[in-house]
Amino acid sequence: MVVGGGVIGCATAYYLAREGADVTLLEREGLAGEASGAAAGMLAALSDEGERGPAFEELSRHSLALYETLLPELAATGVDVRHRRTDVLQIALTEREASDLRRRFGARAESDGYWLRGPEILVVEPQASPKALAAYVLPERQYVDPHRLTHALAEAARRLGVLIETRAPVRRFRRAGGRVWGVETPAAIHEADAVLLACGPWTAALARRLGAYVPVRPMRGQMLSLKGPPRPLRNLIWSAAAYLVPRENGQTFVGATVEDVGFRSRTTRSALRALRRGAEALVPALAYAEQLSDWAGLRPASPDGLPIMGPLPGWENVWVSTGHFRNGILQATASGQLVAGSIVAGRPAPALAPFSPARFRD
């Protein structure tokens, strides 16, 4: 039983079904209705590279490698996930930002990318601001449409026999001893040999119903879509103030805020104005671009910045997968595969040890 219809829940359901498990997925609203549908879809930990430790980096590398085989399989579902490859320009507009770039990427030298300075940036990205001082280029990064990716995973899971029920909030856990044997929704009681809680920041509340502590909280991220620039961006552009993702039909996605405001998922005029200013600073041609849409999602954040994955303390057959924060799209494949394999085996894989929910016990 998987509770949660975001990218983590759908990926885990898919890998469980590949392991031969009989799977039901319950989602309280619609698939990809929260953070999974609101993300930018980058398959790169651009805000966290080298800062979360070796376990985080290995999870990201493993997940990215899995996408190479998964994406062709998802194509068979008929859902176009809009997979794209592009270079990423991490641009510095000020001396302070340039110093931060050197701190983050200086030790990597030419091993993973290369440096551009001043006018060299405009050769690679003619739309970039002529005021840019430096840029570090990460070649051949990837991105997808996260909403479509989640639905493609769900469809692939369905084709393997997974039953997916939407508009099915959990009303009650049925339990006996140290096991949860059933999950009750308004329509039915679903029996289960194992239960996975993969509900983003809402996982904490479900865990509390079972007397367990999972310290995941919502962090709002606002984004918007602009029409333009007139000449499409050649690259995905990242800076301290905003990032720009070239999308279909001449659109540019602009993201994203990081706000600790609880479960308030609405957009705000002040944040959207700040995103527009960030976009215009990076690409001056966006100064008068029409805003097509805006949205917000609630990312699941953990106290130490690492995902929370593994057995729920105090329960024999309840598992958790949450806390991926800004990297849920990137890390969904490896997380899904590791958690699914662990559930089927009845014990956590060694690779899950750094992410165990038990690390937050007093």
Foldseek 3Di string as FASTA:
>chain_A
DEEAQELQSLLLLLLLLVVVDQAEYEYQADHNPFPLQAFQFWLDPVVCPPNQDDLVVVLLVVLVVVCVVVVVVLVVLVQAQAKDWAKEKAWDLDPVQVVVVCVVCVVVDPVFWHKDAQPRVCVQWVQFDSSTGMITIGGTTMGTNSRSSSVSSNSSSVVSPYHYDYSWDFDDFPDDQQAGQWTDTPVDTHGDPFYEYEHAQCSQVVVVNVVFGQAKFWWKWKKFKWQDDPDFTRHWYHYPQWTWDQDPPRIIMIIIDTHRDGPDWADDPVSVVSRQVVVCNTGVSRVPTDIDTMGMHIGIAHPSQDWAWDATPRHQRYIYTYHNGNCCSSSSNSSSNQRSVCNVVSHHDPSCVVRHSVVPDD
